[in-house]
Amino acid sequence: MGHKPVGVNSSFAIASATNKRGVNTTLQQSDSLRVVAKGAGCHIAIGTLPTAAATNYYVHAGESEVISLGSVQSNKVVGVSTTGTTTLIDFAEGTGSPFEAGDAVTLSVTGQDYLNFTHKIVSSVDSSAGVNGFYSTRIVVDHDYGVGYAHTNVIGHAELRGSFMVAAFGDGTGVVHYQQVQSSGGAS
């Protein structure tokens, strides 16, 4: 099976019978994650702030596994505002939110870098209807800019994308490597 690398390779040390979480938050750009355990096998957990345990997916030492991440989630952002400790994100009318409460997201805004944030948690999706309703085009994210924005129309390209972290529970001492990939072909 062929793999096309997406993004960068990340790694972190694993330890025997210990949960370790990588420090990298990763923008989801593919539906698959290739994982290789060196030195020792490990159990892998993927999520917003994952904790790995012996009940999670197992990767044998010296072998690679491709784990499905599910569909890539992203959407164009047209507005940002803050209400103290939370941030409101507006999507274009009619597009809806691909995110649900509990998802981790990262905002990138070209030309307005002060609006960027990394790996924050969606607290709710506004599904109100009627006059002044948002029909699931507005979400609330647990992010505090430290300054109030009544409403900022995004000038440059702005995208909210799902992000994730990887954790491992080791059988021994080693290193786990992971990278998003696109796969093609069948088993060889």
N, C-alpha and C. Protein backbone atom coordinates (compact mmCIF):
# COMPACT_ATOMS: atom_id res chain seq x y z
N MET A 1 0.84 -1.17 0.00
CA MET A 1 0.00 0.00 0.00
C MET A 1 0.89 1.24 0.00
N GLY A 2 0.57 2.20 -0.83
CA GLY A 2 1.34 3.43 -0.89
C GLY A 2 0.81 4.47 0.07
N HIS A 3 1.73 5.27 0.63
CA HIS A 3 1.36 6.35 1.53
C HIS A 3 1.94 7.66 1.02
N LYS A 4 1.14 8.69 1.04
CA LYS A 4 1.62 10.04 0.76
C LYS A 4 1.62 10.80 2.07
N PRO A 5 2.80 11.26 2.54
CA PRO A 5 2.87 12.00 3.80
C PRO A 5 2.08 13.32 3.73
N VAL A 6 1.42 13.64 4.81
CA VAL A 6 0.68 14.89 4.94
C VAL A 6 1.18 15.56 6.22
N GLY A 7 1.64 16.78 6.13
CA GLY A 7 2.16 17.46 7.31
C GLY A 7 3.51 16.91 7.72
N VAL A 8 3.85 17.06 8.99
CA VAL A 8 5.17 16.66 9.47
C VAL A 8 5.08 15.43 10.36
N ASN A 9 6.19 14.70 10.45
CA ASN A 9 6.30 13.57 11.37
C ASN A 9 6.51 14.12 12.78
N SER A 10 5.80 13.57 13.75
CA SER A 10 5.97 13.94 15.14
C SER A 10 6.31 12.70 15.94
N SER A 11 6.94 12.89 17.10
CA SER A 11 7.28 11.75 17.94
C SER A 11 7.39 12.19 19.39
N PHE A 12 7.31 11.21 20.28
CA PHE A 12 7.57 11.45 21.70
C PHE A 12 7.94 10.13 22.36
N ALA A 13 8.62 10.24 23.49
CA ALA A 13 9.08 9.06 24.22
C ALA A 13 7.90 8.37 24.92
N ILE A 14 7.98 7.03 24.97
CA ILE A 14 7.00 6.26 25.72
C ILE A 14 7.71 5.54 26.87
N ALA A 15 6.94 5.20 27.90
CA ALA A 15 7.51 4.52 29.06
C ALA A 15 6.60 3.37 29.47
N SER A 16 7.16 2.40 30.11
CA SER A 16 6.43 1.21 30.52
C SER A 16 5.27 1.55 31.46
N ALA A 17 4.07 1.07 31.09
CA ALA A 17 2.85 1.22 31.89
C ALA A 17 2.57 2.66 32.31
N THR A 18 2.92 3.61 31.43
CA THR A 18 2.72 5.03 31.73
C THR A 18 2.05 5.72 30.55
N ASN A 19 1.04 6.54 30.84
CA ASN A 19 0.43 7.36 29.80
C ASN A 19 1.35 8.54 29.52
N LYS A 20 1.69 8.74 28.27
CA LYS A 20 2.46 9.91 27.84
C LYS A 20 1.66 10.56 26.71
N ARG A 21 1.55 11.88 26.75
CA ARG A 21 0.87 12.60 25.68
C ARG A 21 1.89 13.46 24.96
N GLY A 22 1.88 13.41 23.65
CA GLY A 22 2.75 14.28 22.87
C GLY A 22 2.37 15.73 23.11
N VAL A 23 3.32 16.64 22.95
CA VAL A 23 3.04 18.06 23.17
C VAL A 23 2.46 18.71 21.92
N ASN A 24 2.60 18.07 20.78
CA ASN A 24 2.13 18.67 19.52
C ASN A 24 0.62 18.55 19.38
N THR A 25 -0.02 19.65 18.99
CA THR A 25 -1.39 19.59 18.52
C THR A 25 -1.30 19.58 17.01
N THR A 26 -2.08 18.74 16.39
CA THR A 26 -1.96 18.52 14.96
C THR A 26 -3.24 18.90 14.25
N LEU A 27 -3.14 19.74 13.22
CA LEU A 27 -4.30 20.06 12.38
C LEU A 27 -4.66 18.83 11.58
N GLN A 28 -5.92 18.45 11.59
CA GLN A 28 -6.31 17.28 10.81
C GLN A 28 -6.41 17.67 9.34
N GLN A 29 -5.58 17.02 8.51
CA GLN A 29 -5.54 17.28 7.09
C GLN A 29 -5.79 16.02 6.26
N SER A 30 -5.95 14.90 6.94
CA SER A 30 -6.14 13.62 6.27
C SER A 30 -7.05 12.77 7.14
N ASP A 31 -7.58 11.69 6.57
CA ASP A 31 -8.43 10.81 7.36
C ASP A 31 -7.66 9.66 8.00
N SER A 32 -6.32 9.62 7.83
CA SER A 32 -5.53 8.50 8.33
C SER A 32 -4.26 8.97 9.03
N LEU A 33 -3.89 8.25 10.10
CA LEU A 33 -2.69 8.54 10.85
C LEU A 33 -1.82 7.27 10.87
N ARG A 34 -0.59 7.38 10.37
CA ARG A 34 0.36 6.26 10.40
C ARG A 34 1.14 6.35 11.71
N VAL A 35 1.19 5.25 12.45
CA VAL A 35 1.84 5.21 13.75
C VAL A 35 2.88 4.09 13.74
N VAL A 36 4.10 4.39 14.22
CA VAL A 36 5.17 3.40 14.34
C VAL A 36 5.72 3.48 15.76
N ALA A 37 5.81 2.32 16.42
CA ALA A 37 6.38 2.24 17.76
C ALA A 37 7.78 1.65 17.65
N LYS A 38 8.79 2.33 18.19
CA LYS A 38 10.17 1.83 18.18
C LYS A 38 10.61 1.53 19.60
N GLY A 39 11.23 0.39 19.78
CA GLY A 39 11.75 0.02 21.10
C GLY A 39 10.77 -0.77 21.94
N ALA A 40 9.50 -0.41 21.89
CA ALA A 40 8.47 -1.10 22.67
C ALA A 40 7.12 -0.86 22.01
N GLY A 41 6.22 -1.81 22.17
CA GLY A 41 4.86 -1.61 21.68
C GLY A 41 4.14 -0.63 22.57
N CYS A 42 3.00 -0.14 22.09
CA CYS A 42 2.23 0.81 22.90
C CYS A 42 0.77 0.83 22.48
N HIS A 43 -0.07 1.30 23.40
CA HIS A 43 -1.48 1.52 23.13
C HIS A 43 -1.63 3.00 22.77
N ILE A 44 -2.41 3.31 21.74
CA ILE A 44 -2.54 4.67 21.21
C ILE A 44 -3.95 5.21 21.45
N ALA A 45 -4.03 6.45 21.93
CA ALA A 45 -5.30 7.18 22.05
C ALA A 45 -5.16 8.49 21.27
N ILE A 46 -6.21 8.86 20.56
CA ILE A 46 -6.22 10.08 19.74
C ILE A 46 -7.46 10.88 20.13
N GLY A 47 -7.31 12.20 20.35
CA GLY A 47 -8.46 13.01 20.70
C GLY A 47 -8.08 14.42 21.08
N THR A 48 -8.99 15.10 21.81
CA THR A 48 -8.76 16.49 22.19
C THR A 48 -7.66 16.60 23.23
N LEU A 49 -7.75 15.85 24.31
CA LEU A 49 -6.72 15.75 25.36
C LEU A 49 -6.69 14.28 25.80
N PRO A 50 -6.18 13.40 24.94
CA PRO A 50 -6.32 11.96 25.18
C PRO A 50 -5.46 11.44 26.33
N THR A 51 -5.96 10.40 26.95
CA THR A 51 -5.22 9.63 27.95
C THR A 51 -5.21 8.19 27.45
N ALA A 52 -4.03 7.63 27.23
CA ALA A 52 -3.92 6.27 26.73
C ALA A 52 -3.89 5.28 27.88
N ALA A 53 -4.48 4.11 27.65
CA ALA A 53 -4.50 3.03 28.65
C ALA A 53 -4.38 1.70 27.92
N ALA A 54 -4.27 0.65 28.67
CA ALA A 54 -4.12 -0.69 28.09
C ALA A 54 -5.35 -1.12 27.28
N THR A 55 -6.43 -0.40 27.37
CA THR A 55 -7.65 -0.73 26.61
C THR A 55 -7.69 -0.07 25.23
N ASN A 56 -6.73 0.79 24.91
CA ASN A 56 -6.71 1.48 23.62
C ASN A 56 -6.03 0.64 22.54
N TYR A 57 -6.10 1.13 21.31
CA TYR A 57 -5.55 0.46 20.12
C TYR A 57 -4.06 0.16 20.34
N TYR A 58 -3.66 -1.08 20.01
CA TYR A 58 -2.28 -1.50 20.27
C TYR A 58 -1.44 -1.48 18.98
N VAL A 59 -0.23 -0.94 19.08
CA VAL A 59 0.74 -0.94 17.99
C VAL A 59 1.95 -1.74 18.45
N HIS A 60 2.27 -2.83 17.72
CA HIS A 60 3.42 -3.68 18.06
C HIS A 60 4.73 -2.93 17.80
N ALA A 61 5.74 -3.22 18.60
CA ALA A 61 7.07 -2.61 18.43
C ALA A 61 7.61 -2.96 17.05
N GLY A 62 8.14 -1.96 16.36
CA GLY A 62 8.77 -2.15 15.07
C GLY A 62 7.81 -2.28 13.90
N GLU A 63 6.52 -2.18 14.13
CA GLU A 63 5.53 -2.28 13.05
C GLU A 63 4.78 -0.96 12.92
N SER A 64 4.26 -0.73 11.74
CA SER A 64 3.45 0.48 11.55
C SER A 64 1.99 0.10 11.40
N GLU A 65 1.14 0.97 11.85
CA GLU A 65 -0.31 0.82 11.71
C GLU A 65 -0.87 2.12 11.16
N VAL A 66 -1.93 2.01 10.38
CA VAL A 66 -2.63 3.19 9.89
C VAL A 66 -3.99 3.21 10.58
N ILE A 67 -4.23 4.28 11.33
CA ILE A 67 -5.45 4.42 12.13
C ILE A 67 -6.34 5.49 11.48
N SER A 68 -7.61 5.19 11.35
CA SER A 68 -8.56 6.15 10.78
C SER A 68 -8.84 7.28 11.77
N LEU A 69 -8.78 8.51 11.28
CA LEU A 69 -9.10 9.69 12.08
C LEU A 69 -10.54 10.15 11.84
N GLY A 70 -11.20 9.58 10.85
CA GLY A 70 -12.53 10.04 10.46
C GLY A 70 -12.40 11.18 9.47
N SER A 71 -13.51 11.72 9.08
CA SER A 71 -13.53 12.79 8.08
C SER A 71 -12.82 14.04 8.57
N VAL A 72 -12.15 14.72 7.65
CA VAL A 72 -11.51 16.00 7.94
C VAL A 72 -12.61 17.03 8.14
N GLN A 73 -12.50 17.82 9.22
CA GLN A 73 -13.49 18.84 9.51
C GLN A 73 -12.85 20.22 9.39
N SER A 74 -13.45 21.07 8.56
CA SER A 74 -13.00 22.44 8.44
C SER A 74 -14.11 23.28 7.82
N ASN A 75 -14.02 24.59 8.00
CA ASN A 75 -14.99 25.49 7.39
C ASN A 75 -14.41 26.89 7.35
N LYS A 76 -14.85 27.66 6.37
CA LYS A 76 -14.45 29.06 6.24
C LYS A 76 -15.13 29.87 7.34
N VAL A 77 -14.37 30.78 7.95
CA VAL A 77 -14.89 31.64 9.01
C VAL A 77 -15.10 33.04 8.45
N VAL A 78 -16.26 33.65 8.77
CA VAL A 78 -16.55 35.00 8.28
C VAL A 78 -16.60 36.04 9.40
N GLY A 79 -16.66 35.59 10.66
CA GLY A 79 -16.70 36.55 11.76
C GLY A 79 -16.21 35.94 13.06
N VAL A 80 -15.61 36.80 13.90
CA VAL A 80 -15.10 36.39 15.20
C VAL A 80 -15.49 37.47 16.21
N SER A 81 -16.00 37.05 17.37
CA SER A 81 -16.26 38.00 18.45
C SER A 81 -16.01 37.28 19.77
N THR A 82 -15.81 38.05 20.84
CA THR A 82 -15.53 37.43 22.13
C THR A 82 -16.43 38.02 23.20
N THR A 83 -16.80 37.18 24.15
CA THR A 83 -17.70 37.61 25.23
C THR A 83 -17.05 37.30 26.57
N GLY A 84 -15.86 37.76 26.78
CA GLY A 84 -15.16 37.48 28.04
C GLY A 84 -14.27 36.27 27.90
N THR A 85 -14.75 35.13 28.38
CA THR A 85 -13.90 33.93 28.36
C THR A 85 -14.17 33.01 27.18
N THR A 86 -15.13 33.35 26.36
CA THR A 86 -15.43 32.51 25.19
C THR A 86 -15.35 33.34 23.91
N THR A 87 -15.26 32.62 22.79
CA THR A 87 -15.19 33.26 21.49
C THR A 87 -16.30 32.71 20.60
N LEU A 88 -16.96 33.60 19.89
CA LEU A 88 -18.00 33.21 18.94
C LEU A 88 -17.39 33.18 17.55
N ILE A 89 -17.60 32.08 16.85
CA ILE A 89 -17.10 31.91 15.48
C ILE A 89 -18.29 31.80 14.56
N ASP A 90 -18.35 32.66 13.53
CA ASP A 90 -19.44 32.63 12.55
C ASP A 90 -18.95 32.04 11.24
N PHE A 91 -19.73 31.09 10.71
CA PHE A 91 -19.47 30.51 9.40
C PHE A 91 -20.39 31.18 8.38
N ALA A 92 -20.05 31.04 7.12
CA ALA A 92 -20.88 31.61 6.06
C ALA A 92 -22.30 31.04 6.13
N GLU A 93 -23.27 31.89 5.83
CA GLU A 93 -24.66 31.48 5.87
C GLU A 93 -24.88 30.26 4.96
N GLY A 94 -25.61 29.31 5.48
CA GLY A 94 -25.95 28.12 4.69
C GLY A 94 -24.95 26.99 4.75
N THR A 95 -23.79 27.22 5.40
CA THR A 95 -22.78 26.15 5.42
C THR A 95 -22.93 25.23 6.63
N GLY A 96 -23.37 25.74 7.75
CA GLY A 96 -23.49 24.94 8.96
C GLY A 96 -22.14 24.65 9.59
N SER A 97 -22.17 24.06 10.78
CA SER A 97 -20.95 23.75 11.50
C SER A 97 -20.61 22.28 11.35
N PRO A 98 -19.37 21.97 10.93
CA PRO A 98 -18.96 20.57 10.91
C PRO A 98 -18.52 20.09 12.29
N PHE A 99 -18.50 20.99 13.27
CA PHE A 99 -17.99 20.69 14.60
C PHE A 99 -19.13 20.48 15.59
N GLU A 100 -18.83 19.70 16.63
CA GLU A 100 -19.76 19.45 17.71
C GLU A 100 -19.11 19.87 19.02
N ALA A 101 -19.92 20.04 20.05
CA ALA A 101 -19.38 20.34 21.37
C ALA A 101 -18.40 19.25 21.77
N GLY A 102 -17.24 19.67 22.29
CA GLY A 102 -16.19 18.73 22.69
C GLY A 102 -15.09 18.56 21.67
N ASP A 103 -15.32 18.98 20.43
CA ASP A 103 -14.27 18.91 19.40
C ASP A 103 -13.19 19.96 19.69
N ALA A 104 -11.95 19.65 19.30
CA ALA A 104 -10.86 20.62 19.39
C ALA A 104 -10.70 21.28 18.02
N VAL A 105 -10.45 22.60 18.02
CA VAL A 105 -10.35 23.35 16.77
C VAL A 105 -9.18 24.34 16.82
N THR A 106 -8.70 24.69 15.63
CA THR A 106 -7.62 25.66 15.48
C THR A 106 -8.05 26.68 14.43
N LEU A 107 -7.91 27.98 14.74
CA LEU A 107 -8.29 29.06 13.83
C LEU A 107 -7.05 29.68 13.22
N SER A 108 -7.05 29.81 11.89
CA SER A 108 -5.97 30.48 11.15
C SER A 108 -6.59 31.57 10.29
N VAL A 109 -6.10 32.81 10.47
CA VAL A 109 -6.62 33.95 9.72
C VAL A 109 -5.46 34.67 9.03
N THR A 110 -5.46 34.67 7.71
CA THR A 110 -4.43 35.36 6.94
C THR A 110 -4.62 36.86 7.06
N GLY A 111 -3.56 37.59 7.45
CA GLY A 111 -3.63 39.04 7.54
C GLY A 111 -4.18 39.56 8.85
N GLN A 112 -4.72 38.70 9.69
CA GLN A 112 -5.21 39.10 11.01
C GLN A 112 -4.73 38.05 12.02
N ASP A 113 -3.41 37.91 12.11
CA ASP A 113 -2.80 36.86 12.95
C ASP A 113 -3.22 36.95 14.41
N TYR A 114 -3.59 38.13 14.90
CA TYR A 114 -4.01 38.28 16.29
C TYR A 114 -5.28 37.49 16.60
N LEU A 115 -6.00 37.05 15.57
CA LEU A 115 -7.20 36.24 15.77
C LEU A 115 -6.89 34.75 15.86
N ASN A 116 -5.69 34.34 15.48
CA ASN A 116 -5.33 32.92 15.47
C ASN A 116 -5.36 32.32 16.88
N PHE A 117 -5.79 31.07 16.97
CA PHE A 117 -5.63 30.29 18.20
C PHE A 117 -5.45 28.82 17.83
N THR A 118 -4.91 28.05 18.80
CA THR A 118 -4.59 26.65 18.54
C THR A 118 -5.24 25.74 19.55
N HIS A 119 -5.89 24.71 19.07
CA HIS A 119 -6.41 23.59 19.85
C HIS A 119 -7.27 24.03 21.03
N LYS A 120 -8.36 24.69 20.72
CA LYS A 120 -9.33 25.10 21.74
C LYS A 120 -10.59 24.25 21.58
N ILE A 121 -11.36 24.12 22.64
CA ILE A 121 -12.50 23.21 22.67
C ILE A 121 -13.81 23.93 22.33
N VAL A 122 -14.61 23.32 21.45
CA VAL A 122 -15.94 23.83 21.11
C VAL A 122 -16.85 23.53 22.29
N SER A 123 -17.49 24.58 22.85
CA SER A 123 -18.38 24.35 23.98
C SER A 123 -19.83 24.19 23.55
N SER A 124 -20.23 24.83 22.43
CA SER A 124 -21.60 24.64 21.96
C SER A 124 -21.74 25.09 20.50
N VAL A 125 -22.83 24.62 19.88
CA VAL A 125 -23.19 25.02 18.52
C VAL A 125 -24.55 25.69 18.62
N ASP A 126 -24.66 26.93 18.12
CA ASP A 126 -25.91 27.67 18.17
C ASP A 126 -26.82 27.18 17.06
N SER A 127 -27.86 26.45 17.42
CA SER A 127 -28.76 25.90 16.40
C SER A 127 -30.10 26.63 16.39
N SER A 128 -30.10 27.87 16.92
CA SER A 128 -31.35 28.65 16.96
C SER A 128 -31.84 28.95 15.55
N ALA A 129 -33.14 29.07 15.42
CA ALA A 129 -33.75 29.37 14.12
C ALA A 129 -34.57 30.66 14.24
N GLY A 130 -35.15 31.09 13.15
CA GLY A 130 -36.00 32.27 13.17
C GLY A 130 -35.21 33.54 12.97
N VAL A 131 -35.85 34.68 13.23
CA VAL A 131 -35.22 35.98 13.05
C VAL A 131 -34.00 36.06 13.97
N ASN A 132 -32.89 36.48 13.42
CA ASN A 132 -31.61 36.58 14.12
C ASN A 132 -31.08 35.23 14.61
N GLY A 133 -31.61 34.14 14.07
CA GLY A 133 -31.12 32.81 14.42
C GLY A 133 -29.89 32.49 13.58
N PHE A 134 -29.12 31.51 14.02
CA PHE A 134 -27.88 31.21 13.33
C PHE A 134 -27.90 29.88 12.60
N TYR A 135 -28.92 29.06 12.76
CA TYR A 135 -29.06 27.82 12.00
C TYR A 135 -27.76 27.01 11.97
N SER A 136 -27.11 26.88 13.10
CA SER A 136 -25.85 26.12 13.24
C SER A 136 -24.68 26.73 12.48
N THR A 137 -24.73 28.03 12.20
CA THR A 137 -23.60 28.69 11.55
C THR A 137 -22.74 29.46 12.55
N ARG A 138 -23.06 29.37 13.84
CA ARG A 138 -22.26 30.01 14.89
C ARG A 138 -21.95 28.96 15.95
N ILE A 139 -20.67 28.95 16.38
CA ILE A 139 -20.28 28.07 17.47
C ILE A 139 -19.60 28.90 18.56
N VAL A 140 -19.55 28.33 19.77
CA VAL A 140 -18.88 28.97 20.89
C VAL A 140 -17.66 28.11 21.23
N VAL A 141 -16.49 28.78 21.30
CA VAL A 141 -15.23 28.10 21.58
C VAL A 141 -14.67 28.62 22.90
N ASP A 142 -14.13 27.71 23.71
CA ASP A 142 -13.51 28.09 24.99
C ASP A 142 -12.15 28.72 24.74
N HIS A 143 -12.17 29.99 24.32
CA HIS A 143 -10.93 30.73 24.11
C HIS A 143 -11.14 32.17 24.51
N ASP A 144 -10.21 32.71 25.30
CA ASP A 144 -10.27 34.09 25.76
C ASP A 144 -9.11 34.86 25.14
N TYR A 145 -9.42 35.83 24.31
CA TYR A 145 -8.38 36.66 23.68
C TYR A 145 -7.75 37.63 24.67
N GLY A 146 -8.40 37.84 25.83
CA GLY A 146 -7.87 38.79 26.80
C GLY A 146 -8.28 40.22 26.48
N VAL A 147 -9.01 40.40 25.41
CA VAL A 147 -9.51 41.71 25.00
C VAL A 147 -10.84 41.47 24.29
N GLY A 148 -11.78 42.41 24.43
CA GLY A 148 -13.10 42.22 23.83
C GLY A 148 -13.17 42.68 22.38
N TYR A 149 -13.74 41.86 21.55
CA TYR A 149 -14.06 42.22 20.17
C TYR A 149 -15.57 42.14 20.05
N ALA A 150 -16.20 43.26 19.73
CA ALA A 150 -17.66 43.23 19.58
C ALA A 150 -18.02 42.30 18.43
N HIS A 151 -17.43 42.49 17.30
CA HIS A 151 -17.57 41.58 16.16
C HIS A 151 -16.54 41.99 15.12
N THR A 152 -15.75 41.06 14.70
CA THR A 152 -14.73 41.33 13.71
C THR A 152 -15.05 40.57 12.44
N ASN A 153 -15.31 41.30 11.37
CA ASN A 153 -15.46 40.64 10.08
C ASN A 153 -14.07 40.25 9.62
N VAL A 154 -13.93 39.03 9.22
CA VAL A 154 -12.63 38.53 8.80
C VAL A 154 -12.32 39.09 7.42
N ILE A 155 -11.13 39.69 7.30
CA ILE A 155 -10.73 40.34 6.05
C ILE A 155 -10.05 39.34 5.11
N GLY A 156 -9.06 38.63 5.61
CA GLY A 156 -8.34 37.65 4.79
C GLY A 156 -9.02 36.30 4.82
N HIS A 157 -8.33 35.30 4.31
CA HIS A 157 -8.85 33.93 4.35
C HIS A 157 -8.78 33.44 5.79
N ALA A 158 -9.89 32.91 6.29
CA ALA A 158 -9.93 32.39 7.66
C ALA A 158 -10.54 30.99 7.63
N GLU A 159 -9.89 30.08 8.34
CA GLU A 159 -10.37 28.70 8.36
C GLU A 159 -10.30 28.15 9.78
N LEU A 160 -11.37 27.50 10.18
CA LEU A 160 -11.39 26.76 11.44
C LEU A 160 -11.27 25.29 11.06
N ARG A 161 -10.30 24.61 11.66
CA ARG A 161 -10.02 23.22 11.30
C ARG A 161 -9.92 22.39 12.58
N GLY A 162 -10.40 21.17 12.50
CA GLY A 162 -10.27 20.25 13.62
C GLY A 162 -8.81 19.95 13.92
N SER A 163 -8.49 19.74 15.19
CA SER A 163 -7.13 19.39 15.58
C SER A 163 -7.19 18.26 16.61
N PHE A 164 -6.06 17.57 16.79
CA PHE A 164 -6.03 16.44 17.71
C PHE A 164 -4.66 16.31 18.35
N MET A 165 -4.60 15.48 19.39
CA MET A 165 -3.34 15.12 20.05
C MET A 165 -3.27 13.60 20.12
N VAL A 166 -2.06 13.09 20.32
CA VAL A 166 -1.84 11.65 20.41
C VAL A 166 -1.23 11.34 21.77
N ALA A 167 -1.70 10.25 22.39
CA ALA A 167 -1.13 9.76 23.66
C ALA A 167 -0.79 8.29 23.49
N ALA A 168 0.18 7.81 24.28
CA ALA A 168 0.60 6.41 24.22
C ALA A 168 0.81 5.85 25.61
N PHE A 169 0.47 4.59 25.78
CA PHE A 169 0.69 3.83 27.01
C PHE A 169 1.66 2.72 26.63
N GLY A 170 2.89 2.78 27.11
CA GLY A 170 3.95 1.90 26.63
C GLY A 170 4.04 0.55 27.32
N ASP A 171 4.55 -0.46 26.55
CA ASP A 171 4.90 -1.77 27.10
C ASP A 171 6.30 -1.74 27.68
N GLY A 172 7.04 -0.74 27.33
CA GLY A 172 8.42 -0.59 27.77
C GLY A 172 8.89 0.78 27.33
N THR A 173 10.19 0.97 27.29
CA THR A 173 10.75 2.26 26.90
C THR A 173 10.95 2.30 25.39
N GLY A 174 10.59 3.41 24.77
CA GLY A 174 10.76 3.55 23.34
C GLY A 174 10.28 4.91 22.86
N VAL A 175 9.97 4.97 21.59
CA VAL A 175 9.50 6.20 20.95
C VAL A 175 8.35 5.85 20.02
N VAL A 176 7.33 6.67 20.01
CA VAL A 176 6.24 6.50 19.05
C VAL A 176 6.33 7.64 18.04
N HIS A 177 6.26 7.29 16.75
CA HIS A 177 6.26 8.27 15.66
C HIS A 177 4.88 8.25 15.01
N TYR A 178 4.40 9.41 14.60
CA TYR A 178 3.10 9.45 13.93
C TYR A 178 3.08 10.57 12.89
N GLN A 179 2.35 10.30 11.80
CA GLN A 179 2.20 11.27 10.72
C GLN A 179 0.93 10.98 9.96
N GLN A 180 0.23 12.01 9.57
CA GLN A 180 -0.95 11.82 8.74
C GLN A 180 -0.50 11.38 7.35
N VAL A 181 -1.30 10.50 6.74
CA VAL A 181 -0.99 10.01 5.42
C VAL A 181 -2.26 9.89 4.60
N GLN A 182 -2.06 9.89 3.29
CA GLN A 182 -3.11 9.49 2.35
C GLN A 182 -2.66 8.14 1.82
N SER A 183 -3.56 7.17 1.81
CA SER A 183 -3.20 5.83 1.38
C SER A 183 -3.78 5.55 0.00
N SER A 184 -3.06 4.72 -0.77
CA SER A 184 -3.57 4.29 -2.07
C SER A 184 -3.20 2.83 -2.29
N GLY A 185 -4.01 2.15 -3.05
CA GLY A 185 -3.72 0.76 -3.36
C GLY A 185 -4.12 -0.17 -2.23
N GLY A 186 -3.97 -1.46 -2.49
CA GLY A 186 -4.31 -2.47 -1.51
C GLY A 186 -3.08 -3.01 -0.83
N ALA A 187 -3.28 -3.99 0.00
CA ALA A 187 -2.15 -4.63 0.71
C ALA A 187 -1.27 -5.34 -0.28
N SER A 188 0.03 -5.30 -0.02
CA SER A 188 0.95 -5.96 -0.94
C SER A 188 1.65 -7.10 -0.25
